[in-house]
Amino acid sequence: MKRIPAIWREASPEKTDYINGLLRMQVVDEIILYTVPFIAGTGKYFFRSALPLVKWTLVSQKKFPNGVTCHIYNRMTSERTA
């Protein structure tokens, strides 16, 4: 399968519809989630409701000295559930 260019893999408010489309089509095999201990404004939802049920496994996690955490999840199986 062809990899998505790095510029499209980074989540931003402008790309939420694109990211949610990929999740709905179940073409995402890995999610890398960075959590930054900072709150500003009201935020924006990246994961909208009504997404298909997909099981994920935490394969790696790391905490950095500045409080940032990185969690890497892989889709459990290649089976797709509706």
PDB file of N, CA and C in Angstrom:
ATOM      1  N   MET A   1       0.830  -1.171   0.000  1.00  0.00           N
ATOM      2  CA  MET A   1       0.000   0.000   0.000  1.00  0.00           C
ATOM      3  C   MET A   1       0.881   1.243   0.000  1.00  0.00           C
ATOM      4  N   LYS A   2       0.494   2.232  -0.736  1.00  0.00           N
ATOM      5  CA  LYS A   2       1.257   3.474  -0.834  1.00  0.00           C
ATOM      6  C   LYS A   2       1.129   4.285   0.453  1.00  0.00           C
ATOM      7  N   ARG A   3       2.249   4.796   0.940  1.00  0.00           N
ATOM      8  CA  ARG A   3       2.240   5.601   2.165  1.00  0.00           C
ATOM      9  C   ARG A   3       1.765   7.008   1.873  1.00  0.00           C
ATOM     10  N   ILE A   4       1.098   7.594   2.844  1.00  0.00           N
ATOM     11  CA  ILE A   4       0.611   8.965   2.729  1.00  0.00           C
ATOM     12  C   ILE A   4       1.788   9.897   2.971  1.00  0.00           C
ATOM     13  N   PRO A   5       1.956  10.949   2.140  1.00  0.00           N
ATOM     14  CA  PRO A   5       3.066  11.890   2.350  1.00  0.00           C
ATOM     15  C   PRO A   5       3.027  12.495   3.750  1.00  0.00           C
ATOM     16  N   ALA A   6       4.197  12.763   4.320  1.00  0.00           N
ATOM     17  CA  ALA A   6       4.312  13.245   5.695  1.00  0.00           C
ATOM     18  C   ALA A   6       3.491  14.503   5.945  1.00  0.00           C
ATOM     19  N   ILE A   7       3.378  15.384   4.970  1.00  0.00           N
ATOM     20  CA  ILE A   7       2.641  16.631   5.169  1.00  0.00           C
ATOM     21  C   ILE A   7       1.170  16.363   5.489  1.00  0.00           C
ATOM     22  N   TRP A   8       0.612  15.261   5.026  1.00  0.00           N
ATOM     23  CA  TRP A   8      -0.794  14.942   5.276  1.00  0.00           C
ATOM     24  C   TRP A   8      -0.971  14.092   6.520  1.00  0.00           C
ATOM     25  N   ARG A   9       0.102  13.588   7.097  1.00  0.00           N
ATOM     26  CA  ARG A   9      -0.012  12.731   8.275  1.00  0.00           C
ATOM     27  C   ARG A   9      -0.123  13.531   9.560  1.00  0.00           C
ATOM     28  N   GLU A  10       0.245  14.800   9.530  1.00  0.00           N
ATOM     29  CA  GLU A  10       0.185  15.613  10.741  1.00  0.00           C
ATOM     30  C   GLU A  10      -1.213  16.187  10.899  1.00  0.00           C
ATOM     31  N   ALA A  11      -1.792  15.999  12.066  1.00  0.00           N
ATOM     32  CA  ALA A  11      -3.141  16.502  12.315  1.00  0.00           C
ATOM     33  C   ALA A  11      -3.101  18.005  12.575  1.00  0.00           C
ATOM     34  N   SER A  12      -4.050  18.700  11.984  1.00  0.00           N
ATOM     35  CA  SER A  12      -4.232  20.121  12.225  1.00  0.00           C
ATOM     36  C   SER A  12      -5.714  20.429  12.027  1.00  0.00           C
ATOM     37  N   PRO A  13      -6.189  21.542  12.544  1.00  0.00           N
ATOM     38  CA  PRO A  13      -7.615  21.866  12.392  1.00  0.00           C
ATOM     39  C   PRO A  13      -8.082  21.884  10.933  1.00  0.00           C
ATOM     40  N   GLU A  14      -7.206  22.241  10.013  1.00  0.00           N
ATOM     41  CA  GLU A  14      -7.585  22.296   8.598  1.00  0.00           C
ATOM     42  C   GLU A  14      -7.731  20.907   7.981  1.00  0.00           C
ATOM     43  N   LYS A  15      -7.179  19.894   8.622  1.00  0.00           N
ATOM     44  CA  LYS A  15      -7.165  18.545   8.041  1.00  0.00           C
ATOM     45  C   LYS A  15      -8.110  17.577   8.752  1.00  0.00           C
ATOM     46  N   THR A  16      -8.942  18.062   9.669  1.00  0.00           N
ATOM     47  CA  THR A  16      -9.789  17.144  10.429  1.00  0.00           C
ATOM     48  C   THR A  16     -10.755  16.374   9.535  1.00  0.00           C
ATOM     49  N   ASP A  17     -11.328  17.016   8.529  1.00  0.00           N
ATOM     50  CA  ASP A  17     -12.249  16.310   7.634  1.00  0.00           C
ATOM     51  C   ASP A  17     -11.514  15.214   6.866  1.00  0.00           C
ATOM     52  N   TYR A  18     -10.307  15.504   6.404  1.00  0.00           N
ATOM     53  CA  TYR A  18      -9.498  14.524   5.672  1.00  0.00           C
ATOM     54  C   TYR A  18      -9.163  13.327   6.575  1.00  0.00           C
ATOM     55  N   ILE A  19      -8.714  13.614   7.792  1.00  0.00           N
ATOM     56  CA  ILE A  19      -8.339  12.561   8.734  1.00  0.00           C
ATOM     57  C   ILE A  19      -9.551  11.699   9.086  1.00  0.00           C
ATOM     58  N   ASN A  20     -10.682  12.347   9.362  1.00  0.00           N
ATOM     59  CA  ASN A  20     -11.890  11.592   9.683  1.00  0.00           C
ATOM     60  C   ASN A  20     -12.355  10.753   8.503  1.00  0.00           C
ATOM     61  N   GLY A  21     -12.159  11.223   7.282  1.00  0.00           N
ATOM     62  CA  GLY A  21     -12.480  10.424   6.098  1.00  0.00           C
ATOM     63  C   GLY A  21     -11.625   9.171   6.025  1.00  0.00           C
ATOM     64  N   LEU A  22     -10.334   9.309   6.303  1.00  0.00           N
ATOM     65  CA  LEU A  22      -9.443   8.144   6.310  1.00  0.00           C
ATOM     66  C   LEU A  22      -9.863   7.138   7.379  1.00  0.00           C
ATOM     67  N   LEU A  23     -10.254   7.651   8.557  1.00  0.00           N
ATOM     68  CA  LEU A  23     -10.698   6.762   9.628  1.00  0.00           C
ATOM     69  C   LEU A  23     -12.000   6.062   9.243  1.00  0.00           C
ATOM     70  N   ARG A  24     -12.917   6.783   8.607  1.00  0.00           N
ATOM     71  CA  ARG A  24     -14.185   6.178   8.186  1.00  0.00           C
ATOM     72  C   ARG A  24     -13.978   5.096   7.129  1.00  0.00           C
ATOM     73  N   MET A  25     -13.022   5.302   6.235  1.00  0.00           N
ATOM     74  CA  MET A  25     -12.737   4.313   5.188  1.00  0.00           C
ATOM     75  C   MET A  25     -11.886   3.163   5.728  1.00  0.00           C
ATOM     76  N   GLN A  26     -11.455   3.262   6.970  1.00  0.00           N
ATOM     77  CA  GLN A  26     -10.650   2.245   7.644  1.00  0.00           C
ATOM     78  C   GLN A  26      -9.351   1.939   6.899  1.00  0.00           C
ATOM     79  N   VAL A  27      -8.689   2.980   6.435  1.00  0.00           N
ATOM     80  CA  VAL A  27      -7.404   2.812   5.757  1.00  0.00           C
ATOM     81  C   VAL A  27      -6.229   3.204   6.655  1.00  0.00           C
ATOM     82  N   VAL A  28      -6.509   3.545   7.898  1.00  0.00           N
ATOM     83  CA  VAL A  28      -5.462   3.921   8.850  1.00  0.00           C
ATOM     84  C   VAL A  28      -5.020   2.671   9.602  1.00  0.00           C
ATOM     85  N   ASP A  29      -3.722   2.374   9.560  1.00  0.00           N
ATOM     86  CA  ASP A  29      -3.158   1.210  10.246  1.00  0.00           C
ATOM     87  C   ASP A  29      -2.437   1.579  11.533  1.00  0.00           C
ATOM     88  N   GLU A  30      -2.051   2.850  11.650  1.00  0.00           N
ATOM     89  CA  GLU A  30      -1.268   3.270  12.812  1.00  0.00           C
ATOM     90  C   GLU A  30      -1.652   4.693  13.179  1.00  0.00           C
ATOM     91  N   ILE A  31      -1.751   4.932  14.484  1.00  0.00           N
ATOM     92  CA  ILE A  31      -1.996   6.280  14.988  1.00  0.00           C
ATOM     93  C   ILE A  31      -0.864   6.614  15.949  1.00  0.00           C
ATOM     94  N   ILE A  32      -0.198   7.735  15.705  1.00  0.00           N
ATOM     95  CA  ILE A  32       0.825   8.235  16.620  1.00  0.00           C
ATOM     96  C   ILE A  32       0.242   9.485  17.263  1.00  0.00           C
ATOM     97  N   LEU A  33       0.061   9.421  18.570  1.00  0.00           N
ATOM     98  CA  LEU A  33      -0.629  10.482  19.283  1.00  0.00           C
ATOM     99  C   LEU A  33       0.309  11.125  20.295  1.00  0.00           C
ATOM    100  N   TYR A  34       0.571  12.406  20.107  1.00  0.00           N
ATOM    101  CA  TYR A  34       1.377  13.174  21.061  1.00  0.00           C
ATOM    102  C   TYR A  34       0.423  13.977  21.931  1.00  0.00           C
ATOM    103  N   THR A  35       0.642  13.926  23.241  1.00  0.00           N
ATOM    104  CA  THR A  35      -0.153  14.707  24.175  1.00  0.00           C
ATOM    105  C   THR A  35       0.753  15.759  24.788  1.00  0.00           C
ATOM    106  N   VAL A  36       0.345  17.022  24.627  1.00  0.00           N
ATOM    107  CA  VAL A  36       1.128  18.145  25.132  1.00  0.00           C
ATOM    108  C   VAL A  36       0.387  18.728  26.332  1.00  0.00           C
ATOM    109  N   PRO A  37       1.036  18.853  27.485  1.00  0.00           N
ATOM    110  CA  PRO A  37       0.366  19.356  28.685  1.00  0.00           C
ATOM    111  C   PRO A  37       0.168  20.879  28.642  1.00  0.00           C
ATOM    112  N   PHE A  38      -0.751  21.316  27.775  1.00  0.00           N
ATOM    113  CA  PHE A  38      -1.001  22.740  27.595  1.00  0.00           C
ATOM    114  C   PHE A  38      -2.448  22.903  27.152  1.00  0.00           C
ATOM    115  N   ILE A  39      -3.153  23.825  27.754  1.00  0.00           N
ATOM    116  CA  ILE A  39      -4.542  24.070  27.374  1.00  0.00           C
ATOM    117  C   ILE A  39      -4.664  25.511  26.908  1.00  0.00           C
ATOM    118  N   ALA A  40      -5.255  25.688  25.722  1.00  0.00           N
ATOM    119  CA  ALA A  40      -5.470  27.027  25.191  1.00  0.00           C
ATOM    120  C   ALA A  40      -6.782  27.035  24.413  1.00  0.00           C
ATOM    121  N   GLY A  41      -7.631  27.978  24.690  1.00  0.00           N
ATOM    122  CA  GLY A  41      -8.885  28.082  23.945  1.00  0.00           C
ATOM    123  C   GLY A  41      -9.842  26.948  24.261  1.00  0.00           C
ATOM    124  N   THR A  42     -10.750  26.702  23.317  1.00  0.00           N
ATOM    125  CA  THR A  42     -11.763  25.667  23.530  1.00  0.00           C
ATOM    126  C   THR A  42     -11.416  24.367  22.832  1.00  0.00           C
ATOM    127  N   GLY A  43     -10.405  24.364  21.983  1.00  0.00           N
ATOM    128  CA  GLY A  43      -9.994  23.138  21.302  1.00  0.00           C
ATOM    129  C   GLY A  43     -10.901  22.778  20.145  1.00  0.00           C
ATOM    130  N   LYS A  44     -10.543  21.712  19.475  1.00  0.00           N
ATOM    131  CA  LYS A  44     -11.312  21.214  18.342  1.00  0.00           C
ATOM    132  C   LYS A  44     -11.244  19.694  18.377  1.00  0.00           C
ATOM    133  N   TYR A  45     -12.373  19.042  18.074  1.00  0.00           N
ATOM    134  CA  TYR A  45     -12.415  17.596  18.067  1.00  0.00           C
ATOM    135  C   TYR A  45     -11.771  17.053  16.794  1.00  0.00           C
ATOM    136  N   PHE A  46     -10.805  16.144  16.945  1.00  0.00           N
ATOM    137  CA  PHE A  46     -10.217  15.479  15.789  1.00  0.00           C
ATOM    138  C   PHE A  46     -10.978  14.212  15.452  1.00  0.00           C
ATOM    139  N   PHE A  47     -11.507  13.529  16.465  1.00  0.00           N
ATOM    140  CA  PHE A  47     -12.221  12.288  16.246  1.00  0.00           C
ATOM    141  C   PHE A  47     -13.703  12.552  16.440  1.00  0.00           C
ATOM    142  N   ARG A  48     -14.433  12.565  15.354  1.00  0.00           N
ATOM    143  CA  ARG A  48     -15.861  12.858  15.403  1.00  0.00           C
ATOM    144  C   ARG A  48     -16.653  11.601  15.703  1.00  0.00           C
ATOM    145  N   SER A  49     -17.910  11.802  16.056  1.00  0.00           N
ATOM    146  CA  SER A  49     -18.766  10.660  16.371  1.00  0.00           C
ATOM    147  C   SER A  49     -19.073   9.864  15.107  1.00  0.00           C
ATOM    148  N   ALA A  50     -19.628   8.697  15.301  1.00  0.00           N
ATOM    149  CA  ALA A  50     -20.072   7.805  14.216  1.00  0.00           C
ATOM    150  C   ALA A  50     -18.913   7.232  13.396  1.00  0.00           C
ATOM    151  N   LEU A  51     -17.746   7.117  13.995  1.00  0.00           N
ATOM    152  CA  LEU A  51     -16.641   6.445  13.302  1.00  0.00           C
ATOM    153  C   LEU A  51     -16.824   4.942  13.443  1.00  0.00           C
ATOM    154  N   PRO A  52     -16.360   4.157  12.462  1.00  0.00           N
ATOM    155  CA  PRO A  52     -16.482   2.700  12.567  1.00  0.00           C
ATOM    156  C   PRO A  52     -15.695   2.167  13.768  1.00  0.00           C
ATOM    157  N   LEU A  53     -16.176   1.072  14.321  1.00  0.00           N
ATOM    158  CA  LEU A  53     -15.494   0.441  15.440  1.00  0.00           C
ATOM    159  C   LEU A  53     -14.254  -0.290  14.930  1.00  0.00           C
ATOM    160  N   VAL A  54     -13.092   0.105  15.433  1.00  0.00           N
ATOM    161  CA  VAL A  54     -11.827  -0.534  15.090  1.00  0.00           C
ATOM    162  C   VAL A  54     -11.070  -0.753  16.393  1.00  0.00           C
ATOM    163  N   LYS A  55     -10.502  -1.929  16.559  1.00  0.00           N
ATOM    164  CA  LYS A  55      -9.738  -2.226  17.773  1.00  0.00           C
ATOM    165  C   LYS A  55      -8.274  -1.870  17.547  1.00  0.00           C
ATOM    166  N   TRP A  56      -7.686  -1.184  18.528  1.00  0.00           N
ATOM    167  CA  TRP A  56      -6.302  -0.723  18.458  1.00  0.00           C
ATOM    168  C   TRP A  56      -5.505  -1.314  19.613  1.00  0.00           C
ATOM    169  N   THR A  57      -4.210  -1.524  19.370  1.00  0.00           N
ATOM    170  CA  THR A  57      -3.290  -2.023  20.387  1.00  0.00           C
ATOM    171  C   THR A  57      -2.199  -0.986  20.619  1.00  0.00           C
ATOM    172  N   LEU A  58      -1.953  -0.659  21.872  1.00  0.00           N
ATOM    173  CA  LEU A  58      -0.852   0.240  22.215  1.00  0.00           C
ATOM    174  C   LEU A  58       0.447  -0.532  22.049  1.00  0.00           C
ATOM    175  N   VAL A  59       1.303  -0.091  21.119  1.00  0.00           N
ATOM    176  CA  VAL A  59       2.549  -0.812  20.858  1.00  0.00           C
ATOM    177  C   VAL A  59       3.771  -0.093  21.424  1.00  0.00           C
ATOM    178  N   SER A  60       3.629   1.197  21.719  1.00  0.00           N
ATOM    179  CA  SER A  60       4.772   1.937  22.237  1.00  0.00           C
ATOM    180  C   SER A  60       4.273   3.193  22.943  1.00  0.00           C
ATOM    181  N   GLN A  61       4.977   3.562  24.006  1.00  0.00           N
ATOM    182  CA  GLN A  61       4.687   4.830  24.662  1.00  0.00           C
ATOM    183  C   GLN A  61       5.972   5.393  25.242  1.00  0.00           C
ATOM    184  N   LYS A  62       6.054   6.705  25.237  1.00  0.00           N
ATOM    185  CA  LYS A  62       7.261   7.356  25.744  1.00  0.00           C
ATOM    186  C   LYS A  62       6.865   8.682  26.380  1.00  0.00           C
ATOM    187  N   LYS A  63       7.487   8.985  27.505  1.00  0.00           N
ATOM    188  CA  LYS A  63       7.279  10.269  28.164  1.00  0.00           C
ATOM    189  C   LYS A  63       8.570  11.069  28.091  1.00  0.00           C
ATOM    190  N   PHE A  64       8.443  12.311  27.675  1.00  0.00           N
ATOM    191  CA  PHE A  64       9.598  13.192  27.528  1.00  0.00           C
ATOM    192  C   PHE A  64       9.736  14.076  28.768  1.00  0.00           C
ATOM    193  N   PRO A  65      10.949  14.586  29.045  1.00  0.00           N
ATOM    194  CA  PRO A  65      11.187  15.402  30.244  1.00  0.00           C
ATOM    195  C   PRO A  65      10.278  16.638  30.351  1.00  0.00           C
ATOM    196  N   ASN A  66       9.821  17.162  29.216  1.00  0.00           N
ATOM    197  CA  ASN A  66       8.975  18.355  29.235  1.00  0.00           C
ATOM    198  C   ASN A  66       7.498  18.037  29.474  1.00  0.00           C
ATOM    199  N   GLY A  67       7.157  16.760  29.710  1.00  0.00           N
ATOM    200  CA  GLY A  67       5.781  16.372  29.984  1.00  0.00           C
ATOM    201  C   GLY A  67       5.014  15.851  28.786  1.00  0.00           C
ATOM    202  N   VAL A  68       5.556  16.020  27.591  1.00  0.00           N
ATOM    203  CA  VAL A  68       4.911  15.494  26.384  1.00  0.00           C
ATOM    204  C   VAL A  68       4.959  13.972  26.415  1.00  0.00           C
ATOM    205  N   THR A  69       3.871  13.341  26.000  1.00  0.00           N
ATOM    206  CA  THR A  69       3.857  11.889  25.892  1.00  0.00           C
ATOM    207  C   THR A  69       3.547  11.492  24.460  1.00  0.00           C
ATOM    208  N   CYS A  70       4.102  10.361  24.042  1.00  0.00           N
ATOM    209  CA  CYS A  70       3.872   9.822  22.708  1.00  0.00           C
ATOM    210  C   CYS A  70       3.345   8.404  22.848  1.00  0.00           C
ATOM    211  N   HIS A  71       2.195   8.148  22.238  1.00  0.00           N
ATOM    212  CA  HIS A  71       1.591   6.817  22.235  1.00  0.00           C
ATOM    213  C   HIS A  71       1.426   6.373  20.787  1.00  0.00           C
ATOM    214  N   ILE A  72       1.853   5.165  20.489  1.00  0.00           N
ATOM    215  CA  ILE A  72       1.712   4.617  19.136  1.00  0.00           C
ATOM    216  C   ILE A  72       0.768   3.430  19.204  1.00  0.00           C
ATOM    217  N   TYR A  73      -0.284   3.493  18.393  1.00  0.00           N
ATOM    218  CA  TYR A  73      -1.290   2.441  18.336  1.00  0.00           C
ATOM    219  C   TYR A  73      -1.299   1.822  16.943  1.00  0.00           C
ATOM    220  N   ASN A  74      -1.449   0.503  16.879  1.00  0.00           N
ATOM    221  CA  ASN A  74      -1.608  -0.209  15.611  1.00  0.00           C
ATOM    222  C   ASN A  74      -2.971  -0.880  15.595  1.00  0.00           C
ATOM    223  N   ARG A  75      -3.552  -0.943  14.402  1.00  0.00           N
ATOM    224  CA  ARG A  75      -4.822  -1.653  14.265  1.00  0.00           C
ATOM    225  C   ARG A  75      -4.575  -3.121  14.580  1.00  0.00           C
ATOM    226  N   MET A  76      -5.456  -3.742  15.357  1.00  0.00           N
ATOM    227  CA  MET A  76      -5.214  -5.108  15.845  1.00  0.00           C
ATOM    228  C   MET A  76      -5.166  -6.142  14.729  1.00  0.00           C
ATOM    229  N   THR A  77      -6.089  -6.067  13.796  1.00  0.00           N
ATOM    230  CA  THR A  77      -6.130  -7.055  12.719  1.00  0.00           C
ATOM    231  C   THR A  77      -6.414  -6.355  11.408  1.00  0.00           C
ATOM    232  N   SER A  78      -6.274  -7.101  10.337  1.00  0.00           N
ATOM    233  CA  SER A  78      -6.586  -6.526   9.030  1.00  0.00           C
ATOM    234  C   SER A  78      -8.075  -6.607   8.733  1.00  0.00           C
ATOM    235  N   GLU A  79      -8.831  -7.299   9.608  1.00  0.00           N
ATOM    236  CA  GLU A  79     -10.273  -7.389   9.419  1.00  0.00           C
ATOM    237  C   GLU A  79     -10.890  -6.020   9.679  1.00  0.00           C
ATOM    238  N   ARG A  80     -11.850  -5.669   8.868  1.00  0.00           N
ATOM    239  CA  ARG A  80     -12.531  -4.396   9.030  1.00  0.00           C
ATOM    240  C   ARG A  80     -13.928  -4.672   9.536  1.00  0.00           C
ATOM    241  N   THR A  81     -14.313  -3.898  10.531  1.00  0.00           N
ATOM    242  CA  THR A  81     -15.645  -4.075  11.103  1.00  0.00           C
ATOM    243  C   THR A  81     -16.509  -2.903  10.732  1.00  0.00           C
ATOM    244  N   ALA A  82     -17.760  -3.130  10.466  1.00  0.00           N
ATOM    245  CA  ALA A  82     -18.669  -2.037  10.095  1.00  0.00           C
ATOM    246  C   ALA A  82     -19.382  -1.484  11.297  1.00  0.00           C
TER     247      ALA A  82
END
